């Protein structure tokens, strides 16, 4: 870009080299429209989002790496390092957010208009390599015994992690030996999952249309399915009513069929069948005498 701008410049016939350059002669800045606020100490740059954020104006997610035309200005100093602040407009709404550099922590800070999506963790918890702090570095430089102990600790840690690393390496090589087949399997898995999601979405839309509702449906739960099935059925009978039904069922069947019925289906023992029959017979005979 710079090389292209440095060539093919048009010099008017009345150009005077004593003016100090073509930009001064024309009365423009070398940065053109990017320097339209340079009298306020602001320059327009192309800023790339350092991490994921949430816009406070529209609530949308803005991913890391999204680029904006930002107004850059100097707001302070950290020792001999300048601190810069960047102001940019969200591409999804009219909200503006400001981000400034943090040289002390080698990071960026959100001043206003957005909030950071927290994806940070302690690198020591997942066995990442962490650079030593300044105090440890000075002690390693000055104390020979501490340097020796520190080196032995690193060696012992490396020996402990070597088997796990070799296992991961072997597993990775076995899985990705045929990268085409692995890629096909992953794509088939994603395709099946996408098909299931589309089917669930269509079922939810049909249910909402049938019920004339406009709410967000949550995924099905096993407890909800069980409760719905219980509500769809008739109320359960009591234990005495169930036992009475079993007795009447046994009495209606012939004696051969009663012996063949399992205890599980009837809920009574085989030895209790004659007693049930006789008890029910006596009850029916008493009822007939009363009626006569």
Protein backbone atom coordinates (compact mmCIF):
# COMPACT_ATOMS: atom_id res chain seq x y z
CA UNK A 1 0.00 0.00 0.00
CA UNK A 2 2.75 2.45 0.89
CA UNK A 3 4.70 1.66 -2.24
CA UNK A 4 1.63 2.22 -4.38
CA UNK A 5 0.95 5.56 -2.77
CA UNK A 6 4.57 6.61 -3.16
CA UNK A 7 4.40 6.31 -6.93
CA UNK A 8 2.22 7.82 -9.64
CA UNK A 9 1.83 11.09 -7.79
CA UNK A 10 0.55 14.00 -9.80
CA UNK A 11 2.57 17.18 -9.57
CA UNK A 12 0.67 20.23 -10.81
CA UNK A 13 2.39 22.62 -13.22
CA UNK A 14 2.71 25.32 -10.57
CA UNK A 15 4.35 22.96 -8.06
CA UNK A 16 7.21 24.54 -6.11
CA UNK A 17 9.70 22.13 -4.48
CA UNK A 18 10.61 24.83 -1.98
CA UNK A 19 7.20 24.32 -0.32
CA UNK A 20 8.65 21.32 1.49
CA UNK A 21 6.80 18.52 -0.27
CA UNK A 22 3.72 17.75 -2.27
CA UNK A 23 1.42 17.38 0.78
CA UNK A 24 2.42 20.76 2.17
CA UNK A 25 2.04 22.35 -1.25
CA UNK A 26 -1.48 20.93 -1.70
CA UNK A 27 -2.36 21.55 1.97
CA UNK A 28 -3.28 17.96 2.88
CA UNK A 29 -1.94 15.42 5.35
CA UNK A 30 -0.10 12.30 4.27
CA UNK A 31 -2.73 10.14 6.00
CA UNK A 32 -5.59 11.85 4.14
CA UNK A 33 -8.99 11.22 5.80
CA UNK A 34 -7.40 9.24 8.64
CA UNK A 35 -5.95 12.50 9.96
CA UNK A 36 -9.14 14.55 9.91
CA UNK A 37 -9.06 14.81 13.75
CA UNK A 38 -5.33 15.04 14.17
CA UNK A 39 -5.67 18.55 15.60
CA UNK A 40 -7.45 16.90 18.56
CA UNK A 41 -4.71 14.32 18.97
CA UNK A 42 -6.85 11.61 17.34
CA UNK A 43 -5.91 9.44 14.39
CA UNK A 44 -8.10 6.88 12.62
CA UNK A 45 -6.63 3.36 12.57
CA UNK A 46 -7.81 -0.14 11.76
CA UNK A 47 -8.35 -1.81 15.15
CA UNK A 48 -8.77 -5.55 15.64
CA UNK A 49 -10.80 -6.80 18.61
CA UNK A 50 -8.37 -8.45 21.07
CA UNK A 51 -10.96 -10.77 22.69
CA UNK A 52 -14.65 -11.65 22.68
CA UNK A 53 -16.99 -8.98 24.04
CA UNK A 54 -20.71 -8.28 24.52
CA UNK A 55 -22.05 -4.97 23.25
CA UNK A 56 -23.98 -3.03 25.90
CA UNK A 57 -26.11 -1.33 23.26
CA UNK A 58 -27.63 -4.29 21.42
CA UNK A 59 -26.40 -7.16 23.58
CA UNK A 60 -24.88 -8.99 20.61
CA UNK A 61 -21.67 -10.96 20.72
CA UNK A 62 -18.62 -9.55 18.92
CA UNK A 63 -15.91 -12.09 18.31
CA UNK A 64 -12.19 -11.73 18.66
CA UNK A 65 -10.56 -10.52 15.43
CA UNK A 66 -13.44 -8.35 14.19
CA UNK A 67 -11.98 -5.14 12.76
CA UNK A 68 -13.20 -1.58 13.17
CA UNK A 69 -12.18 1.92 12.16
CA UNK A 70 -11.21 3.25 15.58
CA UNK A 71 -10.17 6.65 16.87
CA UNK A 72 -6.80 6.30 18.56
CA UNK A 73 -5.53 8.78 21.11
CA UNK A 74 -2.95 8.87 23.84
CA UNK A 75 -4.44 9.01 27.35
CA UNK A 76 -1.43 8.51 29.63
CA UNK A 77 1.89 6.84 30.32
CA UNK A 78 2.94 3.64 32.04
CA UNK A 79 6.51 4.48 32.99
CA UNK A 80 8.00 5.13 29.53
CA UNK A 81 5.26 3.26 27.60
CA UNK A 82 2.32 5.31 26.24
CA UNK A 83 -1.22 4.19 27.01
CA UNK A 84 -3.58 4.44 24.03
CA UNK A 85 -7.36 4.44 23.97
CA UNK A 86 -9.51 3.34 21.02
CA UNK A 87 -13.09 4.42 20.36
CA UNK A 88 -15.19 2.60 17.78
CA UNK A 89 -18.83 2.12 16.80
CA UNK A 90 -20.62 -1.21 16.92
CA UNK A 91 -21.49 -2.50 13.45
CA UNK A 92 -24.84 -3.84 14.71
CA UNK A 93 -26.18 -0.76 16.51
CA UNK A 94 -25.37 2.90 17.26
CA UNK A 95 -23.47 2.15 20.46
CA UNK A 96 -19.82 3.21 20.85
CA UNK A 97 -17.35 1.37 23.05
CA UNK A 98 -13.88 2.33 24.19
CA UNK A 99 -10.91 0.07 24.86
CA UNK A 100 -7.48 1.07 26.12
CA UNK A 101 -4.15 -0.67 26.43
CA UNK A 102 -2.85 -2.06 29.73
CA UNK A 103 0.95 -2.33 29.41
CA UNK A 104 1.35 -3.37 33.05
CA UNK A 105 -0.59 -6.60 32.51
CA UNK A 106 0.06 -6.97 28.77
CA UNK A 107 -3.68 -6.78 28.11
CA UNK A 108 -6.54 -4.52 27.00
CA UNK A 109 -9.16 -2.95 29.29
CA UNK A 110 -12.73 -2.06 28.35
CA UNK A 111 -13.45 1.52 29.42
CA UNK A 112 -17.14 1.77 28.44
CA UNK A 113 -19.83 0.50 26.08
CA UNK A 114 -19.09 -3.24 26.31
CA UNK A 115 -18.18 -6.04 28.66
CA UNK A 116 -15.70 -8.82 28.23
CA UNK A 117 -16.68 -12.44 27.73
CA UNK A 118 -14.80 -14.25 30.45
CA UNK A 119 -12.88 -17.15 28.96
CA UNK A 120 -9.78 -16.76 31.12
CA UNK A 121 -8.34 -19.47 33.36
CA UNK A 122 -5.28 -20.19 35.43
CA UNK A 123 -2.69 -21.74 33.06
CA UNK A 124 -1.14 -23.74 35.91
CA UNK A 125 -4.40 -25.69 36.33
CA UNK A 126 -4.21 -27.27 32.87
CA UNK A 127 -0.43 -27.79 32.92
CA UNK A 128 0.46 -24.98 30.54
CA UNK A 129 3.94 -23.51 30.44
CA UNK A 130 3.92 -20.30 32.46
CA UNK A 131 6.80 -17.82 32.25
CA UNK A 132 8.55 -17.05 35.50
CA UNK A 133 7.83 -13.79 37.27
CA UNK A 134 10.46 -11.11 37.79
CA UNK A 135 11.29 -12.15 41.36
CA UNK A 136 11.92 -15.77 40.34
CA UNK A 137 14.04 -14.66 37.40
CA UNK A 138 16.24 -12.48 39.64
CA UNK A 139 16.64 -15.32 42.13
CA UNK A 140 17.57 -17.72 39.34
CA UNK A 141 20.21 -15.28 38.21
CA UNK A 142 21.68 -14.63 41.69
CA UNK A 143 21.19 -17.87 43.66
CA UNK A 144 23.01 -20.90 42.24
CA UNK A 145 21.41 -23.38 44.67
CA UNK A 146 17.91 -22.12 43.86
CA UNK A 147 18.70 -22.45 40.16
CA UNK A 148 19.84 -26.05 40.68
CA UNK A 149 16.72 -26.95 42.69
CA UNK A 150 14.51 -25.22 40.17
CA UNK A 151 16.10 -27.16 37.31
CA UNK A 152 15.70 -30.48 39.13
CA UNK A 153 12.03 -29.69 39.76
CA UNK A 154 11.53 -29.01 36.06
CA UNK A 155 13.23 -32.27 35.15
CA UNK A 156 11.09 -34.30 37.57
CA UNK A 157 7.95 -32.65 36.23
CA UNK A 158 9.00 -33.44 32.67
CA UNK A 159 9.56 -37.10 33.58
CA UNK A 160 6.09 -37.32 35.13
CA UNK A 161 4.33 -35.83 32.14
CA UNK A 162 6.26 -37.76 29.48
CA UNK A 163 4.06 -40.93 29.59
CA UNK A 164 0.86 -38.90 29.29
CA UNK A 165 2.28 -36.90 26.40
CA UNK A 166 3.39 -40.05 24.60
CA UNK A 167 -0.07 -41.56 25.09
CA UNK A 168 -1.74 -38.46 23.68
CA UNK A 169 0.66 -38.42 20.76
CA UNK A 170 -0.01 -42.07 19.95
CA UNK A 171 -3.77 -41.57 20.20
CA UNK A 172 -3.64 -38.52 17.96
CA UNK A 173 -1.54 -40.30 15.35
CA UNK A 174 -3.88 -43.32 15.33
CA UNK A 175 -6.99 -41.16 14.93
CA UNK A 176 -5.61 -38.85 12.26
CA UNK A 177 -3.58 -41.41 10.34
CA UNK A 178 -6.29 -41.38 7.67
CA UNK A 179 -7.38 -37.76 7.89
CA UNK A 180 -9.88 -38.12 5.03
CA UNK A 181 -11.82 -40.92 6.76
CA UNK A 182 -11.76 -39.04 10.07
CA UNK A 183 -13.02 -35.91 8.40
CA UNK A 184 -15.83 -37.87 6.72
CA UNK A 185 -16.84 -39.40 10.05
CA UNK A 186 -16.93 -36.02 11.75
CA UNK A 187 -18.97 -34.48 8.94
CA UNK A 188 -21.45 -37.39 9.09
CA UNK A 189 -21.78 -36.92 12.85
CA UNK A 190 -22.38 -33.19 12.47
CA UNK A 191 -24.87 -33.83 9.67
CA UNK A 192 -26.90 -36.24 11.82
CA UNK A 193 -26.88 -33.79 14.72
CA UNK A 194 -28.00 -30.96 12.46
CA UNK A 195 -30.82 -33.13 11.10
CA UNK A 196 -32.03 -33.89 14.64
CA UNK A 197 -31.95 -30.20 15.55
CA UNK A 198 -33.99 -29.29 12.48
CA UNK A 199 -36.54 -32.01 13.30
CA UNK A 200 -36.89 -30.75 16.87
CA UNK A 201 -37.24 -27.20 15.64
CA UNK A 202 -40.01 -28.16 13.21
CA UNK A 203 -41.85 -30.09 15.94
CA UNK A 204 -41.60 -27.12 18.30
CA UNK A 205 -42.94 -24.76 15.64
CA UNK A 206 -45.86 -27.09 14.94
CA UNK A 207 -46.69 -27.34 18.63
CA UNK A 208 -46.51 -23.58 19.10
CA UNK A 209 -48.71 -23.01 16.06
CA UNK A 210 -51.23 -25.55 17.31
CA UNK A 211 -51.33 -23.95 20.76
CA UNK A 212 -51.24 -20.36 19.41
CA UNK A 213 -48.23 -19.56 21.56
CA UNK A 214 -45.13 -17.49 20.94
CA UNK A 215 -42.78 -18.64 23.66
CA UNK A 216 -39.39 -20.34 23.66
CA UNK A 217 -39.60 -24.07 24.33
CA UNK A 218 -36.96 -25.75 26.46
CA UNK A 219 -35.52 -29.19 25.61
CA UNK A 220 -37.47 -32.23 26.76
CA UNK A 221 -36.66 -33.64 30.18
CA UNK A 222 -37.24 -37.18 31.41
CA UNK A 223 -39.14 -35.90 34.46
CA UNK A 224 -41.40 -33.78 32.26
CA UNK A 225 -42.15 -36.74 29.97
CA UNK A 226 -43.01 -38.91 32.97
CA UNK A 227 -45.28 -36.27 34.48
CA UNK A 228 -47.07 -35.71 31.16
CA UNK A 229 -47.70 -39.44 30.76
CA UNK A 230 -49.16 -39.61 34.28
CA UNK A 231 -51.43 -36.65 33.60
CA UNK A 232 -52.64 -38.21 30.35
CA UNK A 233 -53.72 -41.44 32.10
CA UNK A 234 -56.69 -41.94 34.41
CA UNK A 235 -56.15 -41.61 38.17
CA UNK A 236 -54.65 -44.75 39.68
CA UNK A 237 -56.87 -47.06 41.74
CA UNK A 238 -56.26 -47.80 45.37
CA UNK A 239 -54.73 -51.09 46.59
CA UNK A 240 -58.07 -52.47 47.76
CA UNK A 241 -59.71 -51.72 44.42
CA UNK A 242 -56.89 -53.40 42.56
CA UNK A 243 -57.16 -56.49 44.76
CA UNK A 244 -60.93 -56.64 44.22
CA UNK A 245 -60.45 -56.47 40.45
CA UNK A 246 -57.90 -59.28 40.62
CA UNK A 247 -60.31 -61.48 42.61
CA UNK A 248 -63.14 -60.91 40.16
CA UNK A 249 -60.80 -61.66 37.28
CA UNK A 250 -59.78 -64.94 38.92
CA UNK A 251 -63.39 -65.94 39.57
CA UNK A 252 -64.45 -65.39 35.97
CA UNK A 253 -61.77 -67.73 34.63
CA UNK A 254 -62.06 -71.54 34.66
CA UNK A 255 -60.06 -73.52 37.20
CA UNK A 256 -57.53 -74.74 34.62
CA UNK A 257 -56.77 -71.20 33.48
CA UNK A 258 -56.42 -70.02 37.08
CA UNK A 259 -53.67 -72.56 37.73
CA UNK A 260 -51.83 -71.47 34.59
CA UNK A 261 -51.90 -67.76 35.44
CA UNK A 262 -48.70 -66.46 36.94
CA UNK A 263 -48.56 -64.96 40.39
CA UNK A 264 -47.19 -61.76 38.92
CA UNK A 265 -50.16 -61.16 36.62
CA UNK A 266 -52.77 -61.87 39.35
CA UNK A 267 -50.91 -60.54 42.36
CA UNK A 268 -52.00 -63.53 44.54
CA UNK A 269 -50.61 -66.96 45.35
CA UNK A 270 -51.99 -70.16 43.84
CA UNK A 271 -52.85 -71.52 47.28
CA UNK A 272 -55.05 -68.49 47.94
CA UNK A 273 -57.23 -69.06 44.88
CA UNK A 274 -59.55 -71.70 46.46
CA UNK A 275 -60.02 -69.52 49.51
CA UNK A 276 -60.92 -66.55 47.33
CA UNK A 277 -63.37 -68.67 45.35
CA UNK A 278 -65.04 -70.06 48.49
CA UNK A 279 -65.19 -66.65 50.14
CA UNK A 280 -66.77 -65.08 47.12
CA UNK A 281 -69.22 -68.02 46.81
CA UNK A 282 -70.37 -67.62 50.40
CA UNK A 283 -70.84 -63.90 49.86
CA UNK A 284 -72.92 -64.46 46.74
CA UNK A 285 -75.11 -67.10 48.51
CA UNK A 286 -75.82 -64.73 51.41
CA UNK A 287 -76.85 -62.05 48.98
CA UNK A 288 -79.26 -64.44 47.26
CA UNK A 289 -80.90 -65.37 50.61
CA UNK A 290 -81.37 -61.72 51.45
CA UNK A 291 -82.99 -61.04 48.12
CA UNK A 292 -85.37 -63.98 48.53
